[in-house]
Amino acid sequence: MNEEVWIPIVLFAATALVLWAFFYYRYRSRSDLQATVRQAIEKGHELSPELLARLGEPNDPKTADLRRGIVAVAVGMGFAVFGVVLGEQDAIRPLIAVGTFPFLVGVAYLGLWLFTKRAD
């Protein structure tokens, strides 16, 4: 087969693999947490309502917004820097355009983090 045929195949396969791994390990994490709670209940340990509520909610949203914002801004800047470092005139503008989306999403998350911090 021609090399040009393999590029989109590998791209979509890698994307599917990353998504599968993300959802699978999130499922495993939740399943392990439920098994731990079940074992604690079977052994007679008393679980407080505060503990159960804390186990059910995700990480602190303030910290999560900051982390997501920093990562998204870094990914967007990474695309832009990659385009500039690559040095081909035909690649600079498209890579900067691709990097603009995660960059702006990161700026939005950082704004949410900042406004949530001030609201408290």
PDB file of N, CA and C in Angstrom:
ATOM      1  N   MET A   1       0.829  -1.189   0.000  1.00  0.00           N
ATOM      2  CA  MET A   1       0.000   0.000   0.000  1.00  0.00           C
ATOM      3  C   MET A   1       0.872   1.250   0.000  1.00  0.00           C
ATOM      4  N   ASN A   2       0.275   2.301  -0.468  1.00  0.00           N
ATOM      5  CA  ASN A   2       0.958   3.582  -0.510  1.00  0.00           C
ATOM      6  C   ASN A   2       1.036   4.181   0.893  1.00  0.00           C
ATOM      7  N   GLU A   3       2.110   4.892   1.190  1.00  0.00           N
ATOM      8  CA  GLU A   3       2.285   5.491   2.513  1.00  0.00           C
ATOM      9  C   GLU A   3       1.194   6.499   2.830  1.00  0.00           C
ATOM     10  N   GLU A   4       0.685   7.189   1.833  1.00  0.00           N
ATOM     11  CA  GLU A   4      -0.336   8.208   2.051  1.00  0.00           C
ATOM     12  C   GLU A   4      -1.639   7.617   2.559  1.00  0.00           C
ATOM     13  N   VAL A   5      -1.879   6.355   2.301  1.00  0.00           N
ATOM     14  CA  VAL A   5      -3.094   5.696   2.771  1.00  0.00           C
ATOM     15  C   VAL A   5      -3.002   5.415   4.266  1.00  0.00           C
ATOM     16  N   TRP A   6      -1.825   5.108   4.753  1.00  0.00           N
ATOM     17  CA  TRP A   6      -1.645   4.737   6.154  1.00  0.00           C
ATOM     18  C   TRP A   6      -1.794   5.920   7.106  1.00  0.00           C
ATOM     19  N   ILE A   7      -1.526   7.123   6.650  1.00  0.00           N
ATOM     20  CA  ILE A   7      -1.564   8.289   7.535  1.00  0.00           C
ATOM     21  C   ILE A   7      -2.945   8.482   8.159  1.00  0.00           C
ATOM     22  N   PRO A   8      -4.030   8.549   7.378  1.00  0.00           N
ATOM     23  CA  PRO A   8      -5.337   8.716   8.039  1.00  0.00           C
ATOM     24  C   PRO A   8      -5.758   7.494   8.841  1.00  0.00           C
ATOM     25  N   ILE A   9      -5.352   6.308   8.389  1.00  0.00           N
ATOM     26  CA  ILE A   9      -5.708   5.101   9.134  1.00  0.00           C
ATOM     27  C   ILE A   9      -5.067   5.138  10.515  1.00  0.00           C
ATOM     28  N   VAL A  10      -3.796   5.457  10.583  1.00  0.00           N
ATOM     29  CA  VAL A  10      -3.098   5.525  11.868  1.00  0.00           C
ATOM     30  C   VAL A  10      -3.649   6.660  12.724  1.00  0.00           C
ATOM     31  N   LEU A  11      -3.981   7.784  12.096  1.00  0.00           N
ATOM     32  CA  LEU A  11      -4.536   8.912  12.844  1.00  0.00           C
ATOM     33  C   LEU A  11      -5.835   8.529  13.542  1.00  0.00           C
ATOM     34  N   PHE A  12      -6.754   7.916  12.801  1.00  0.00           N
ATOM     35  CA  PHE A  12      -8.029   7.546  13.402  1.00  0.00           C
ATOM     36  C   PHE A  12      -7.882   6.388  14.390  1.00  0.00           C
ATOM     37  N   ALA A  13      -6.997   5.462  14.110  1.00  0.00           N
ATOM     38  CA  ALA A  13      -6.771   4.353  15.043  1.00  0.00           C
ATOM     39  C   ALA A  13      -6.160   4.856  16.347  1.00  0.00           C
ATOM     40  N   ALA A  14      -5.221   5.784  16.260  1.00  0.00           N
ATOM     41  CA  ALA A  14      -4.605   6.333  17.470  1.00  0.00           C
ATOM     42  C   ALA A  14      -5.623   7.126  18.283  1.00  0.00           C
ATOM     43  N   THR A  15      -6.474   7.888  17.605  1.00  0.00           N
ATOM     44  CA  THR A  15      -7.512   8.634  18.309  1.00  0.00           C
ATOM     45  C   THR A  15      -8.467   7.680  19.015  1.00  0.00           C
ATOM     46  N   ALA A  16      -8.885   6.638  18.335  1.00  0.00           N
ATOM     47  CA  ALA A  16      -9.777   5.654  18.946  1.00  0.00           C
ATOM     48  C   ALA A  16      -9.104   4.962  20.127  1.00  0.00           C
ATOM     49  N   LEU A  17      -7.824   4.653  20.007  1.00  0.00           N
ATOM     50  CA  LEU A  17      -7.101   4.001  21.093  1.00  0.00           C
ATOM     51  C   LEU A  17      -6.992   4.907  22.318  1.00  0.00           C
ATOM     52  N   VAL A  18      -6.710   6.165  22.123  1.00  0.00           N
ATOM     53  CA  VAL A  18      -6.605   7.107  23.242  1.00  0.00           C
ATOM     54  C   VAL A  18      -7.959   7.262  23.925  1.00  0.00           C
ATOM     55  N   LEU A  19      -9.023   7.405  23.157  1.00  0.00           N
ATOM     56  CA  LEU A  19     -10.357   7.529  23.758  1.00  0.00           C
ATOM     57  C   LEU A  19     -10.749   6.258  24.507  1.00  0.00           C
ATOM     58  N   TRP A  20     -10.469   5.106  23.914  1.00  0.00           N
ATOM     59  CA  TRP A  20     -10.778   3.850  24.593  1.00  0.00           C
ATOM     60  C   TRP A  20     -10.028   3.759  25.919  1.00  0.00           C
ATOM     61  N   ALA A  21      -8.731   4.088  25.919  1.00  0.00           N
ATOM     62  CA  ALA A  21      -7.932   4.006  27.147  1.00  0.00           C
ATOM     63  C   ALA A  21      -8.472   4.959  28.202  1.00  0.00           C
ATOM     64  N   PHE A  22      -8.845   6.163  27.805  1.00  0.00           N
ATOM     65  CA  PHE A  22      -9.379   7.133  28.758  1.00  0.00           C
ATOM     66  C   PHE A  22     -10.644   6.608  29.428  1.00  0.00           C
ATOM     67  N   PHE A  23     -11.607   6.172  28.626  1.00  0.00           N
ATOM     68  CA  PHE A  23     -12.867   5.707  29.186  1.00  0.00           C
ATOM     69  C   PHE A  23     -12.700   4.394  29.957  1.00  0.00           C
ATOM     70  N   TYR A  24     -11.831   3.521  29.494  1.00  0.00           N
ATOM     71  CA  TYR A  24     -11.621   2.258  30.185  1.00  0.00           C
ATOM     72  C   TYR A  24     -11.015   2.484  31.581  1.00  0.00           C
ATOM     73  N   TYR A  25      -9.990   3.310  31.662  1.00  0.00           N
ATOM     74  CA  TYR A  25      -9.351   3.527  32.956  1.00  0.00           C
ATOM     75  C   TYR A  25     -10.223   4.359  33.890  1.00  0.00           C
ATOM     76  N   ARG A  26     -11.064   5.226  33.350  1.00  0.00           N
ATOM     77  CA  ARG A  26     -12.012   5.932  34.211  1.00  0.00           C
ATOM     78  C   ARG A  26     -13.032   4.946  34.767  1.00  0.00           C
ATOM     79  N   TYR A  27     -13.498   4.018  33.935  1.00  0.00           N
ATOM     80  CA  TYR A  27     -14.414   2.982  34.387  1.00  0.00           C
ATOM     81  C   TYR A  27     -13.768   2.127  35.468  1.00  0.00           C
ATOM     82  N   ARG A  28     -12.509   1.714  35.238  1.00  0.00           N
ATOM     83  CA  ARG A  28     -11.811   0.883  36.215  1.00  0.00           C
ATOM     84  C   ARG A  28     -11.645   1.605  37.545  1.00  0.00           C
ATOM     85  N   SER A  29     -11.344   2.884  37.493  1.00  0.00           N
ATOM     86  CA  SER A  29     -11.161   3.664  38.716  1.00  0.00           C
ATOM     87  C   SER A  29     -12.451   3.718  39.523  1.00  0.00           C
ATOM     88  N   ARG A  30     -13.540   3.971  38.850  1.00  0.00           N
ATOM     89  CA  ARG A  30     -14.836   4.032  39.543  1.00  0.00           C
ATOM     90  C   ARG A  30     -15.234   2.655  40.066  1.00  0.00           C
ATOM     91  N   SER A  31     -14.954   1.620  39.300  1.00  0.00           N
ATOM     92  CA  SER A  31     -15.280   0.273  39.723  1.00  0.00           C
ATOM     93  C   SER A  31     -14.469  -0.124  40.959  1.00  0.00           C
ATOM     94  N   ASP A  32     -13.192   0.206  40.971  1.00  0.00           N
ATOM     95  CA  ASP A  32     -12.347  -0.089  42.132  1.00  0.00           C
ATOM     96  C   ASP A  32     -12.814   0.673  43.365  1.00  0.00           C
ATOM     97  N   LEU A  33     -13.239   1.912  43.189  1.00  0.00           N
ATOM     98  CA  LEU A  33     -13.738   2.708  44.309  1.00  0.00           C
ATOM     99  C   LEU A  33     -14.998   2.078  44.885  1.00  0.00           C
ATOM    100  N   GLN A  34     -15.904   1.641  44.015  1.00  0.00           N
ATOM    101  CA  GLN A  34     -17.120   0.997  44.490  1.00  0.00           C
ATOM    102  C   GLN A  34     -16.822  -0.321  45.200  1.00  0.00           C
ATOM    103  N   ALA A  35     -15.858  -1.061  44.705  1.00  0.00           N
ATOM    104  CA  ALA A  35     -15.491  -2.324  45.359  1.00  0.00           C
ATOM    105  C   ALA A  35     -14.913  -2.055  46.742  1.00  0.00           C
ATOM    106  N   THR A  36     -14.125  -1.004  46.878  1.00  0.00           N
ATOM    107  CA  THR A  36     -13.550  -0.657  48.179  1.00  0.00           C
ATOM    108  C   THR A  36     -14.641  -0.271  49.168  1.00  0.00           C
ATOM    109  N   VAL A  37     -15.592   0.538  48.731  1.00  0.00           N
ATOM    110  CA  VAL A  37     -16.699   0.936  49.605  1.00  0.00           C
ATOM    111  C   VAL A  37     -17.521  -0.283  49.988  1.00  0.00           C
ATOM    112  N   ARG A  38     -17.763  -1.168  49.033  1.00  0.00           N
ATOM    113  CA  ARG A  38     -18.532  -2.386  49.307  1.00  0.00           C
ATOM    114  C   ARG A  38     -17.819  -3.253  50.347  1.00  0.00           C
ATOM    115  N   GLN A  39     -16.500  -3.396  50.227  1.00  0.00           N
ATOM    116  CA  GLN A  39     -15.750  -4.191  51.204  1.00  0.00           C
ATOM    117  C   GLN A  39     -15.792  -3.548  52.581  1.00  0.00           C
ATOM    118  N   ALA A  40     -15.709  -2.231  52.640  1.00  0.00           N
ATOM    119  CA  ALA A  40     -15.766  -1.551  53.935  1.00  0.00           C
ATOM    120  C   ALA A  40     -17.120  -1.760  54.590  1.00  0.00           C
ATOM    121  N   ILE A  41     -18.177  -1.728  53.818  1.00  0.00           N
ATOM    122  CA  ILE A  41     -19.513  -1.943  54.370  1.00  0.00           C
ATOM    123  C   ILE A  41     -19.660  -3.388  54.835  1.00  0.00           C
ATOM    124  N   GLU A  42     -19.135  -4.345  54.054  1.00  0.00           N
ATOM    125  CA  GLU A  42     -19.234  -5.759  54.431  1.00  0.00           C
ATOM    126  C   GLU A  42     -18.465  -6.057  55.712  1.00  0.00           C
ATOM    127  N   LYS A  43     -17.358  -5.361  55.940  1.00  0.00           N
ATOM    128  CA  LYS A  43     -16.563  -5.589  57.148  1.00  0.00           C
ATOM    129  C   LYS A  43     -17.112  -4.845  58.351  1.00  0.00           C
ATOM    130  N   GLY A  44     -18.176  -4.071  58.148  1.00  0.00           N
ATOM    131  CA  GLY A  44     -18.829  -3.415  59.266  1.00  0.00           C
ATOM    132  C   GLY A  44     -18.320  -2.018  59.573  1.00  0.00           C
ATOM    133  N   HIS A  45     -17.512  -1.452  58.718  1.00  0.00           N
ATOM    134  CA  HIS A  45     -17.045  -0.085  58.940  1.00  0.00           C
ATOM    135  C   HIS A  45     -18.189   0.879  58.651  1.00  0.00           C
ATOM    136  N   GLU A  46     -18.278   1.884  59.484  1.00  0.00           N
ATOM    137  CA  GLU A  46     -19.324   2.879  59.282  1.00  0.00           C
ATOM    138  C   GLU A  46     -18.786   3.993  58.386  1.00  0.00           C
ATOM    139  N   LEU A  47     -19.509   4.279  57.326  1.00  0.00           N
ATOM    140  CA  LEU A  47     -19.107   5.326  56.391  1.00  0.00           C
ATOM    141  C   LEU A  47     -19.983   6.548  56.615  1.00  0.00           C
ATOM    142  N   SER A  48     -19.352   7.662  56.890  1.00  0.00           N
ATOM    143  CA  SER A  48     -20.106   8.878  57.172  1.00  0.00           C
ATOM    144  C   SER A  48     -20.703   9.436  55.872  1.00  0.00           C
ATOM    145  N   PRO A  49     -21.797  10.167  55.981  1.00  0.00           N
ATOM    146  CA  PRO A  49     -22.388  10.779  54.781  1.00  0.00           C
ATOM    147  C   PRO A  49     -21.434  11.766  54.101  1.00  0.00           C
ATOM    148  N   GLU A  50     -20.589  12.429  54.893  1.00  0.00           N
ATOM    149  CA  GLU A  50     -19.626  13.366  54.307  1.00  0.00           C
ATOM    150  C   GLU A  50     -18.613  12.635  53.428  1.00  0.00           C
ATOM    151  N   LEU A  51     -18.159  11.477  53.918  1.00  0.00           N
ATOM    152  CA  LEU A  51     -17.198  10.691  53.147  1.00  0.00           C
ATOM    153  C   LEU A  51     -17.814  10.190  51.847  1.00  0.00           C
ATOM    154  N   LEU A  52     -19.029   9.691  51.923  1.00  0.00           N
ATOM    155  CA  LEU A  52     -19.700   9.202  50.720  1.00  0.00           C
ATOM    156  C   LEU A  52     -19.951  10.328  49.723  1.00  0.00           C
ATOM    157  N   ALA A  53     -20.307  11.509  50.214  1.00  0.00           N
ATOM    158  CA  ALA A  53     -20.527  12.648  49.318  1.00  0.00           C
ATOM    159  C   ALA A  53     -19.215  13.068  48.668  1.00  0.00           C
ATOM    160  N   ARG A  54     -18.144  13.025  49.440  1.00  0.00           N
ATOM    161  CA  ARG A  54     -16.836  13.423  48.905  1.00  0.00           C
ATOM    162  C   ARG A  54     -16.328  12.412  47.884  1.00  0.00           C
ATOM    163  N   LEU A  55     -16.612  11.127  48.099  1.00  0.00           N
ATOM    164  CA  LEU A  55     -16.189  10.106  47.141  1.00  0.00           C
ATOM    165  C   LEU A  55     -16.948  10.232  45.823  1.00  0.00           C
ATOM    166  N   GLY A  56     -18.196  10.690  45.896  1.00  0.00           N
ATOM    167  CA  GLY A  56     -19.011  10.763  44.703  1.00  0.00           C
ATOM    168  C   GLY A  56     -18.726  11.954  43.816  1.00  0.00           C
ATOM    169  N   GLU A  57     -18.132  12.992  44.350  1.00  0.00           N
ATOM    170  CA  GLU A  57     -17.904  14.184  43.538  1.00  0.00           C
ATOM    171  C   GLU A  57     -16.494  14.183  42.964  1.00  0.00           C
ATOM    172  N   PRO A  58     -16.325  14.815  41.816  1.00  0.00           N
ATOM    173  CA  PRO A  58     -14.997  14.866  41.203  1.00  0.00           C
ATOM    174  C   PRO A  58     -14.068  15.785  41.980  1.00  0.00           C
ATOM    175  N   ASN A  59     -12.881  15.967  41.447  1.00  0.00           N
ATOM    176  CA  ASN A  59     -11.900  16.843  42.090  1.00  0.00           C
ATOM    177  C   ASN A  59     -12.466  18.244  42.265  1.00  0.00           C
ATOM    178  N   ASP A  60     -11.795  19.024  43.071  1.00  0.00           N
ATOM    179  CA  ASP A  60     -12.195  20.395  43.314  1.00  0.00           C
ATOM    180  C   ASP A  60     -12.301  21.135  41.980  1.00  0.00           C
ATOM    181  N   PRO A  61     -13.468  21.684  41.644  1.00  0.00           N
ATOM    182  CA  PRO A  61     -13.619  22.311  40.333  1.00  0.00           C
ATOM    183  C   PRO A  61     -12.707  23.516  40.123  1.00  0.00           C
ATOM    184  N   LYS A  62     -12.378  24.218  41.202  1.00  0.00           N
ATOM    185  CA  LYS A  62     -11.483  25.370  41.059  1.00  0.00           C
ATOM    186  C   LYS A  62     -10.112  24.918  40.569  1.00  0.00           C
ATOM    187  N   THR A  63      -9.574  23.902  41.214  1.00  0.00           N
ATOM    188  CA  THR A  63      -8.266  23.392  40.831  1.00  0.00           C
ATOM    189  C   THR A  63      -8.328  22.724  39.459  1.00  0.00           C
ATOM    190  N   ALA A  64      -9.433  22.033  39.178  1.00  0.00           N
ATOM    191  CA  ALA A  64      -9.569  21.356  37.889  1.00  0.00           C
ATOM    192  C   ALA A  64      -9.598  22.372  36.752  1.00  0.00           C
ATOM    193  N   ASP A  65     -10.285  23.504  36.932  1.00  0.00           N
ATOM    194  CA  ASP A  65     -10.315  24.528  35.893  1.00  0.00           C
ATOM    195  C   ASP A  65      -8.930  25.101  35.653  1.00  0.00           C
ATOM    196  N   LEU A  66      -8.178  25.316  36.698  1.00  0.00           N
ATOM    197  CA  LEU A  66      -6.824  25.844  36.546  1.00  0.00           C
ATOM    198  C   LEU A  66      -5.947  24.859  35.788  1.00  0.00           C
ATOM    199  N   ARG A  67      -6.002  23.595  36.177  1.00  0.00           N
ATOM    200  CA  ARG A  67      -5.173  22.587  35.513  1.00  0.00           C
ATOM    201  C   ARG A  67      -5.562  22.413  34.050  1.00  0.00           C
ATOM    202  N   ARG A  68      -6.862  22.329  33.785  1.00  0.00           N
ATOM    203  CA  ARG A  68      -7.307  22.178  32.399  1.00  0.00           C
ATOM    204  C   ARG A  68      -6.907  23.389  31.565  1.00  0.00           C
ATOM    205  N   GLY A  69      -7.031  24.567  32.151  1.00  0.00           N
ATOM    206  CA  GLY A  69      -6.670  25.789  31.436  1.00  0.00           C
ATOM    207  C   GLY A  69      -5.201  25.824  31.074  1.00  0.00           C
ATOM    208  N   ILE A  70      -4.354  25.478  32.023  1.00  0.00           N
ATOM    209  CA  ILE A  70      -2.911  25.495  31.765  1.00  0.00           C
ATOM    210  C   ILE A  70      -2.544  24.465  30.700  1.00  0.00           C
ATOM    211  N   VAL A  71      -3.123  23.280  30.783  1.00  0.00           N
ATOM    212  CA  VAL A  71      -2.815  22.242  29.796  1.00  0.00           C
ATOM    213  C   VAL A  71      -3.304  22.650  28.411  1.00  0.00           C
ATOM    214  N   ALA A  72      -4.507  23.192  28.309  1.00  0.00           N
ATOM    215  CA  ALA A  72      -5.043  23.567  27.003  1.00  0.00           C
ATOM    216  C   ALA A  72      -4.252  24.711  26.386  1.00  0.00           C
ATOM    217  N   VAL A  73      -3.859  25.700  27.199  1.00  0.00           N
ATOM    218  CA  VAL A  73      -3.033  26.799  26.686  1.00  0.00           C
ATOM    219  C   VAL A  73      -1.691  26.253  26.200  1.00  0.00           C
ATOM    220  N   ALA A  74      -1.108  25.334  26.951  1.00  0.00           N
ATOM    221  CA  ALA A  74       0.178  24.754  26.553  1.00  0.00           C
ATOM    222  C   ALA A  74       0.055  23.962  25.259  1.00  0.00           C
ATOM    223  N   VAL A  75      -1.038  23.224  25.082  1.00  0.00           N
ATOM    224  CA  VAL A  75      -1.234  22.468  23.843  1.00  0.00           C
ATOM    225  C   VAL A  75      -1.381  23.421  22.662  1.00  0.00           C
ATOM    226  N   GLY A  76      -2.161  24.476  22.836  1.00  0.00           N
ATOM    227  CA  GLY A  76      -2.330  25.452  21.763  1.00  0.00           C
ATOM    228  C   GLY A  76      -1.027  26.132  21.399  1.00  0.00           C
ATOM    229  N   MET A  77      -0.256  26.508  22.398  1.00  0.00           N
ATOM    230  CA  MET A  77       1.034  27.133  22.130  1.00  0.00           C
ATOM    231  C   MET A  77       1.999  26.128  21.514  1.00  0.00           C
ATOM    232  N   GLY A  78       1.887  24.873  21.900  1.00  0.00           N
ATOM    233  CA  GLY A  78       2.737  23.841  21.322  1.00  0.00           C
ATOM    234  C   GLY A  78       2.513  23.687  19.824  1.00  0.00           C
ATOM    235  N   PHE A  79       1.250  23.711  19.397  1.00  0.00           N
ATOM    236  CA  PHE A  79       0.969  23.652  17.966  1.00  0.00           C
ATOM    237  C   PHE A  79       1.578  24.852  17.242  1.00  0.00           C
ATOM    238  N   ALA A  80       1.416  26.031  17.818  1.00  0.00           N
ATOM    239  CA  ALA A  80       1.942  27.237  17.170  1.00  0.00           C
ATOM    240  C   ALA A  80       3.466  27.190  17.086  1.00  0.00           C
ATOM    241  N   VAL A  81       4.110  26.800  18.171  1.00  0.00           N
ATOM    242  CA  VAL A  81       5.576  26.726  18.177  1.00  0.00           C
ATOM    243  C   VAL A  81       6.047  25.648  17.198  1.00  0.00           C
ATOM    244  N   PHE A  82       5.330  24.532  17.130  1.00  0.00           N
ATOM    245  CA  PHE A  82       5.692  23.479  16.187  1.00  0.00           C
ATOM    246  C   PHE A  82       5.646  23.996  14.757  1.00  0.00           C
ATOM    247  N   GLY A  83       4.612  24.778  14.442  1.00  0.00           N
ATOM    248  CA  GLY A  83       4.511  25.332  13.101  1.00  0.00           C
ATOM    249  C   GLY A  83       5.657  26.268  12.781  1.00  0.00           C
ATOM    250  N   VAL A  84       6.053  27.092  13.755  1.00  0.00           N
ATOM    251  CA  VAL A  84       7.152  28.032  13.530  1.00  0.00           C
ATOM    252  C   VAL A  84       8.480  27.288  13.431  1.00  0.00           C
ATOM    253  N   VAL A  85       8.698  26.322  14.301  1.00  0.00           N
ATOM    254  CA  VAL A  85       9.956  25.575  14.304  1.00  0.00           C
ATOM    255  C   VAL A  85      10.085  24.727  13.045  1.00  0.00           C
ATOM    256  N   LEU A  86       8.967  24.209  12.555  1.00  0.00           N
ATOM    257  CA  LEU A  86       8.990  23.406  11.346  1.00  0.00           C
ATOM    258  C   LEU A  86       9.559  24.204  10.181  1.00  0.00           C
ATOM    259  N   GLY A  87       9.242  25.481  10.133  1.00  0.00           N
ATOM    260  CA  GLY A  87       9.871  26.380   9.177  1.00  0.00           C
ATOM    261  C   GLY A  87       9.310  26.381   7.784  1.00  0.00           C
ATOM    262  N   GLU A  88       8.359  25.536   7.489  1.00  0.00           N
ATOM    263  CA  GLU A  88       7.774  25.535   6.153  1.00  0.00           C
ATOM    264  C   GLU A  88       6.636  26.542   6.119  1.00  0.00           C
ATOM    265  N   GLN A  89       6.665  27.414   5.164  1.00  0.00           N
ATOM    266  CA  GLN A  89       5.676  28.482   5.082  1.00  0.00           C
ATOM    267  C   GLN A  89       4.252  27.942   4.938  1.00  0.00           C
ATOM    268  N   ASP A  90       4.113  26.803   4.286  1.00  0.00           N
ATOM    269  CA  ASP A  90       2.780  26.228   4.110  1.00  0.00           C
ATOM    270  C   ASP A  90       2.242  25.601   5.390  1.00  0.00           C
ATOM    271  N   ALA A  91       3.083  25.381   6.389  1.00  0.00           N
ATOM    272  CA  ALA A  91       2.653  24.718   7.620  1.00  0.00           C
ATOM    273  C   ALA A  91       2.413  25.686   8.769  1.00  0.00           C
ATOM    274  N   ILE A  92       2.990  26.871   8.706  1.00  0.00           N
ATOM    275  CA  ILE A  92       2.913  27.781   9.849  1.00  0.00           C
ATOM    276  C   ILE A  92       1.478  28.207  10.125  1.00  0.00           C
ATOM    277  N   ARG A  93       0.809  28.752   9.143  1.00  0.00           N
ATOM    278  CA  ARG A  93      -0.546  29.254   9.376  1.00  0.00           C
ATOM    279  C   ARG A  93      -1.536  28.157   9.762  1.00  0.00           C
ATOM    280  N   PRO A  94      -1.550  26.993   9.103  1.00  0.00           N
ATOM    281  CA  PRO A  94      -2.497  25.954   9.528  1.00  0.00           C
ATOM    282  C   PRO A  94      -2.241  25.461  10.957  1.00  0.00           C
ATOM    283  N   LEU A  95      -0.984  25.304  11.345  1.00  0.00           N
ATOM    284  CA  LEU A  95      -0.711  24.834  12.705  1.00  0.00           C
ATOM    285  C   LEU A  95      -1.063  25.888  13.746  1.00  0.00           C
ATOM    286  N   ILE A  96      -0.851  27.149  13.425  1.00  0.00           N
ATOM    287  CA  ILE A  96      -1.284  28.205  14.348  1.00  0.00           C
ATOM    288  C   ILE A  96      -2.809  28.202  14.440  1.00  0.00           C
ATOM    289  N   ALA A  97      -3.479  27.987  13.322  1.00  0.00           N
ATOM    290  CA  ALA A  97      -4.945  27.930  13.340  1.00  0.00           C
ATOM    291  C   ALA A  97      -5.443  26.750  14.168  1.00  0.00           C
ATOM    292  N   VAL A  98      -4.798  25.606  14.036  1.00  0.00           N
ATOM    293  CA  VAL A  98      -5.188  24.436  14.834  1.00  0.00           C
ATOM    294  C   VAL A  98      -4.930  24.704  16.315  1.00  0.00           C
ATOM    295  N   GLY A  99      -3.824  25.365  16.629  1.00  0.00           N
ATOM    296  CA  GLY A  99      -3.486  25.660  18.014  1.00  0.00           C
ATOM    297  C   GLY A  99      -4.353  26.718  18.642  1.00  0.00           C
ATOM    298  N   THR A 100      -5.044  27.510  17.834  1.00  0.00           N
ATOM    299  CA  THR A 100      -5.896  28.563  18.374  1.00  0.00           C
ATOM    300  C   THR A 100      -7.058  27.993  19.173  1.00  0.00           C
ATOM    301  N   PHE A 101      -7.640  26.894  18.717  1.00  0.00           N
ATOM    302  CA  PHE A 101      -8.798  26.327  19.416  1.00  0.00           C
ATOM    303  C   PHE A 101      -8.464  25.876  20.839  1.00  0.00           C
ATOM    304  N   PRO A 102      -7.462  25.010  21.057  1.00  0.00           N
ATOM    305  CA  PRO A 102      -7.173  24.637  22.452  1.00  0.00           C
ATOM    306  C   PRO A 102      -6.667  25.820  23.272  1.00  0.00           C
ATOM    307  N   PHE A 103      -5.980  26.763  22.630  1.00  0.00           N
ATOM    308  CA  PHE A 103      -5.500  27.940  23.351  1.00  0.00           C
ATOM    309  C   PHE A 103      -6.673  28.740  23.910  1.00  0.00           C
ATOM    310  N   LEU A 104      -7.684  28.991  23.087  1.00  0.00           N
ATOM    311  CA  LEU A 104      -8.833  29.768  23.548  1.00  0.00           C
ATOM    312  C   LEU A 104      -9.679  29.005  24.561  1.00  0.00           C
ATOM    313  N   VAL A 105      -9.767  27.691  24.408  1.00  0.00           N
ATOM    314  CA  VAL A 105     -10.466  26.895  25.425  1.00  0.00           C
ATOM    315  C   VAL A 105      -9.721  26.997  26.755  1.00  0.00           C
ATOM    316  N   GLY A 106      -8.399  26.966  26.706  1.00  0.00           N
ATOM    317  CA  GLY A 106      -7.603  27.121  27.924  1.00  0.00           C
ATOM    318  C   GLY A 106      -7.776  28.482  28.550  1.00  0.00           C
ATOM    319  N   VAL A 107      -7.847  29.516  27.735  1.00  0.00           N
ATOM    320  CA  VAL A 107      -8.083  30.864  28.266  1.00  0.00           C
ATOM    321  C   VAL A 107      -9.454  30.925  28.941  1.00  0.00           C
ATOM    322  N   ALA A 108     -10.452  30.263  28.351  1.00  0.00           N
ATOM    323  CA  ALA A 108     -11.778  30.236  28.965  1.00  0.00           C
ATOM    324  C   ALA A 108     -11.745  29.520  30.316  1.00  0.00           C
ATOM    325  N   TYR A 109     -11.032  28.396  30.396  1.00  0.00           N
ATOM    326  CA  TYR A 109     -10.914  27.697  31.684  1.00  0.00           C
ATOM    327  C   TYR A 109     -10.188  28.553  32.713  1.00  0.00           C
ATOM    328  N   LEU A 110      -9.149  29.237  32.298  1.00  0.00           N
ATOM    329  CA  LEU A 110      -8.447  30.111  33.235  1.00  0.00           C
ATOM    330  C   LEU A 110      -9.350  31.255  33.696  1.00  0.00           C
ATOM    331  N   GLY A 111     -10.183  31.760  32.790  1.00  0.00           N
ATOM    332  CA  GLY A 111     -11.154  32.778  33.184  1.00  0.00           C
ATOM    333  C   GLY A 111     -12.158  32.240  34.185  1.00  0.00           C
ATOM    334  N   LEU A 112     -12.643  31.020  33.963  1.00  0.00           N
ATOM    335  CA  LEU A 112     -13.559  30.399  34.933  1.00  0.00           C
ATOM    336  C   LEU A 112     -12.892  30.241  36.286  1.00  0.00           C
ATOM    337  N   TRP A 113     -11.643  29.815  36.281  1.00  0.00           N
ATOM    338  CA  TRP A 113     -10.917  29.650  37.537  1.00  0.00           C
ATOM    339  C   TRP A 113     -10.771  30.988  38.250  1.00  0.00           C
ATOM    340  N   LEU A 114     -10.450  32.024  37.492  1.00  0.00           N
ATOM    341  CA  LEU A 114     -10.255  33.347  38.082  1.00  0.00           C
ATOM    342  C   LEU A 114     -11.559  33.897  38.641  1.00  0.00           C
ATOM    343  N   PHE A 115     -12.664  33.767  37.892  1.00  0.00           N
ATOM    344  CA  PHE A 115     -13.936  34.297  38.362  1.00  0.00           C
ATOM    345  C   PHE A 115     -14.478  33.489  39.535  1.00  0.00           C
ATOM    346  N   THR A 116     -14.284  32.192  39.527  1.00  0.00           N
ATOM    347  CA  THR A 116     -14.723  31.359  40.652  1.00  0.00           C
ATOM    348  C   THR A 116     -13.923  31.704  41.905  1.00  0.00           C
ATOM    349  N   LYS A 117     -12.658  31.959  41.745  1.00  0.00           N
ATOM    350  CA  LYS A 117     -11.805  32.319  42.872  1.00  0.00           C
ATOM    351  C   LYS A 117     -12.265  33.638  43.478  1.00  0.00           C
ATOM    352  N   ARG A 118     -12.603  34.613  42.641  1.00  0.00           N
ATOM    353  CA  ARG A 118     -13.048  35.915  43.143  1.00  0.00           C
ATOM    354  C   ARG A 118     -14.422  35.832  43.766  1.00  0.00           C
ATOM    355  N   ALA A 119     -15.298  34.953  43.261  1.00  0.00           N
ATOM    356  CA  ALA A 119     -16.642  34.830  43.799  1.00  0.00           C
ATOM    357  C   ALA A 119     -16.624  34.294  45.222  1.00  0.00           C
ATOM    358  N   ASP A 120     -15.617  33.469  45.529  1.00  0.00           N
ATOM    359  CA  ASP A 120     -15.524  32.926  46.886  1.00  0.00           C
ATOM    360  C   ASP A 120     -14.951  33.974  47.806  1.00  0.00           C
TER     361      ASP A 120
END
